[in-house]
Amino acid sequence: MDSCCTLPVGSNLSHCSKCHQTFSSLTLFDKHQDVDYDRTPAVVCKTRLTALGLVKDLGGTWCTPDAAISRQAQSVRLAMTRSRRAA
């Protein structure tokens, strides 16, 4: 397996081995694919992910806009906590 396809154990993230994009949930992963077993290839990755209402968070993971804001706020709180401890 490619190293970019390796996710942390217990992670809710989903990584597409075809287009190498990472998604914050299996639902969003499924949303990015067009599946039709009557054609070849059966699975086609959608490339206009922003048209699906998805955004990338600071870590490069595709997620919903609300999740991106929440993750950004969490990162800021963590950085502030670490700086207070270092002081």
C-alpha atoms as a PDB file:
ATOM      1  CA  MET A   1       0.000   0.000   0.000  1.00  0.00           C
ATOM      2  CA  ASP A   2       1.182   3.490  -0.860  1.00  0.00           C
ATOM      3  CA  SER A   3       2.257   5.532   2.192  1.00  0.00           C
ATOM      4  CA  CYS A   4      -0.291   8.238   1.347  1.00  0.00           C
ATOM      5  CA  CYS A   5      -3.001   5.601   1.759  1.00  0.00           C
ATOM      6  CA  THR A   6      -1.986   4.803   5.332  1.00  0.00           C
ATOM      7  CA  LEU A   7      -4.353   6.253   7.923  1.00  0.00           C
ATOM      8  CA  PRO A   8      -4.057   6.195  11.702  1.00  0.00           C
ATOM      9  CA  VAL A   9      -5.658   3.193  13.413  1.00  0.00           C
ATOM     10  CA  GLY A  10      -9.112   4.106  14.673  1.00  0.00           C
ATOM     11  CA  SER A  11      -9.377   7.062  12.313  1.00  0.00           C
ATOM     12  CA  ASN A  12     -12.716   7.995  10.739  1.00  0.00           C
ATOM     13  CA  LEU A  13     -10.850   9.239   7.660  1.00  0.00           C
ATOM     14  CA  SER A  14     -11.315   7.585   4.270  1.00  0.00           C
ATOM     15  CA  HIS A  15      -8.608   7.678   1.609  1.00  0.00           C
ATOM     16  CA  CYS A  16      -9.238   7.026  -2.089  1.00  0.00           C
ATOM     17  CA  SER A  17      -6.488   4.897  -3.558  1.00  0.00           C
ATOM     18  CA  LYS A  18      -7.548   5.975  -7.053  1.00  0.00           C
ATOM     19  CA  CYS A  19      -7.408   9.794  -6.794  1.00  0.00           C
ATOM     20  CA  HIS A  20      -5.394   9.937  -3.529  1.00  0.00           C
ATOM     21  CA  GLN A  21      -7.748  12.364  -1.804  1.00  0.00           C
ATOM     22  CA  THR A  22      -8.604  11.953   1.885  1.00  0.00           C
ATOM     23  CA  PHE A  23     -12.110  12.496   3.262  1.00  0.00           C
ATOM     24  CA  SER A  24     -13.307  13.117   6.805  1.00  0.00           C
ATOM     25  CA  SER A  25     -15.939  10.363   6.600  1.00  0.00           C
ATOM     26  CA  LEU A  26     -17.023   7.368   4.600  1.00  0.00           C
ATOM     27  CA  THR A  27     -20.155   9.290   3.569  1.00  0.00           C
ATOM     28  CA  LEU A  28     -18.084  12.047   1.935  1.00  0.00           C
ATOM     29  CA  PHE A  29     -15.801   9.440   0.371  1.00  0.00           C
ATOM     30  CA  ASP A  30     -18.838   7.756  -1.195  1.00  0.00           C
ATOM     31  CA  LYS A  31     -20.176  11.145  -2.328  1.00  0.00           C
ATOM     32  CA  HIS A  32     -16.998  11.809  -4.358  1.00  0.00           C
ATOM     33  CA  GLN A  33     -17.364   8.686  -6.480  1.00  0.00           C
ATOM     34  CA  ASP A  34     -19.675   8.013  -9.401  1.00  0.00           C
ATOM     35  CA  VAL A  35     -20.340   4.272  -9.487  1.00  0.00           C
ATOM     36  CA  ASP A  36     -21.978   2.522 -12.433  1.00  0.00           C
ATOM     37  CA  TYR A  37     -21.157  -1.161 -12.934  1.00  0.00           C
ATOM     38  CA  ASP A  38     -22.561  -1.066 -16.479  1.00  0.00           C
ATOM     39  CA  ARG A  39     -19.544   0.927 -17.708  1.00  0.00           C
ATOM     40  CA  THR A  40     -15.772   0.660 -17.678  1.00  0.00           C
ATOM     41  CA  PRO A  41     -14.287   1.826 -15.412  1.00  0.00           C
ATOM     42  CA  ALA A  42     -17.136   1.225 -12.991  1.00  0.00           C
ATOM     43  CA  VAL A  43     -15.873   3.769 -10.458  1.00  0.00           C
ATOM     44  CA  VAL A  44     -15.018   7.332 -11.481  1.00  0.00           C
ATOM     45  CA  CYS A  45     -13.798   9.918  -8.979  1.00  0.00           C
ATOM     46  CA  LYS A  46     -15.524  13.264  -9.203  1.00  0.00           C
ATOM     47  CA  THR A  47     -12.969  16.046  -9.586  1.00  0.00           C
ATOM     48  CA  ARG A  48     -15.107  19.101  -8.757  1.00  0.00           C
ATOM     49  CA  LEU A  49     -15.317  18.403  -5.034  1.00  0.00           C
ATOM     50  CA  THR A  50     -16.116  22.013  -4.156  1.00  0.00           C
ATOM     51  CA  ALA A  51     -19.226  21.693  -6.336  1.00  0.00           C
ATOM     52  CA  LEU A  52     -20.292  18.928  -3.943  1.00  0.00           C
ATOM     53  CA  GLY A  53     -20.057  21.437  -1.088  1.00  0.00           C
ATOM     54  CA  LEU A  54     -16.752  20.115   0.243  1.00  0.00           C
ATOM     55  CA  VAL A  55     -13.744  22.122   1.400  1.00  0.00           C
ATOM     56  CA  LYS A  56     -10.235  21.151   2.472  1.00  0.00           C
ATOM     57  CA  ASP A  57      -9.312  21.653   6.107  1.00  0.00           C
ATOM     58  CA  LEU A  58      -5.865  22.842   7.188  1.00  0.00           C
ATOM     59  CA  GLY A  59      -4.558  19.271   7.034  1.00  0.00           C
ATOM     60  CA  GLY A  60      -5.695  18.764   3.431  1.00  0.00           C
ATOM     61  CA  THR A  61      -8.664  16.531   4.261  1.00  0.00           C
ATOM     62  CA  TRP A  62     -11.912  17.076   2.354  1.00  0.00           C
ATOM     63  CA  CYS A  63     -14.778  17.812   4.739  1.00  0.00           C
ATOM     64  CA  THR A  64     -17.885  19.939   5.162  1.00  0.00           C
ATOM     65  CA  PRO A  65     -17.399  23.688   5.758  1.00  0.00           C
ATOM     66  CA  ASP A  66     -18.658  23.381   9.357  1.00  0.00           C
ATOM     67  CA  ALA A  67     -16.174  20.594  10.082  1.00  0.00           C
ATOM     68  CA  ALA A  68     -13.312  22.657   8.619  1.00  0.00           C
ATOM     69  CA  ILE A  69     -14.163  25.613  10.876  1.00  0.00           C
ATOM     70  CA  SER A  70     -14.449  23.320  13.889  1.00  0.00           C
ATOM     71  CA  ARG A  71     -11.086  21.681  13.148  1.00  0.00           C
ATOM     72  CA  GLN A  72      -9.423  25.057  12.642  1.00  0.00           C
ATOM     73  CA  ALA A  73     -10.793  26.306  15.979  1.00  0.00           C
ATOM     74  CA  GLN A  74      -9.603  23.116  17.663  1.00  0.00           C
ATOM     75  CA  SER A  75      -6.106  23.609  16.212  1.00  0.00           C
ATOM     76  CA  VAL A  76      -5.991  27.191  17.485  1.00  0.00           C
ATOM     77  CA  ARG A  77      -7.107  26.110  20.990  1.00  0.00           C
ATOM     78  CA  LEU A  78      -4.459  23.387  21.043  1.00  0.00           C
ATOM     79  CA  ALA A  79      -1.728  25.827  19.959  1.00  0.00           C
ATOM     80  CA  MET A  80      -2.787  28.306  22.652  1.00  0.00           C
ATOM     81  CA  THR A  81      -2.747  25.588  25.318  1.00  0.00           C
ATOM     82  CA  ARG A  82       0.729  24.462  24.244  1.00  0.00           C
ATOM     83  CA  SER A  83       2.074  28.028  24.284  1.00  0.00           C
ATOM     84  CA  ARG A  84       0.702  28.603  27.788  1.00  0.00           C
ATOM     85  CA  ARG A  85       2.360  25.437  29.038  1.00  0.00           C
ATOM     86  CA  ALA A  86       5.669  26.443  27.470  1.00  0.00           C
ATOM     87  CA  ALA A  87       5.557  29.881  29.136  1.00  0.00           C
END
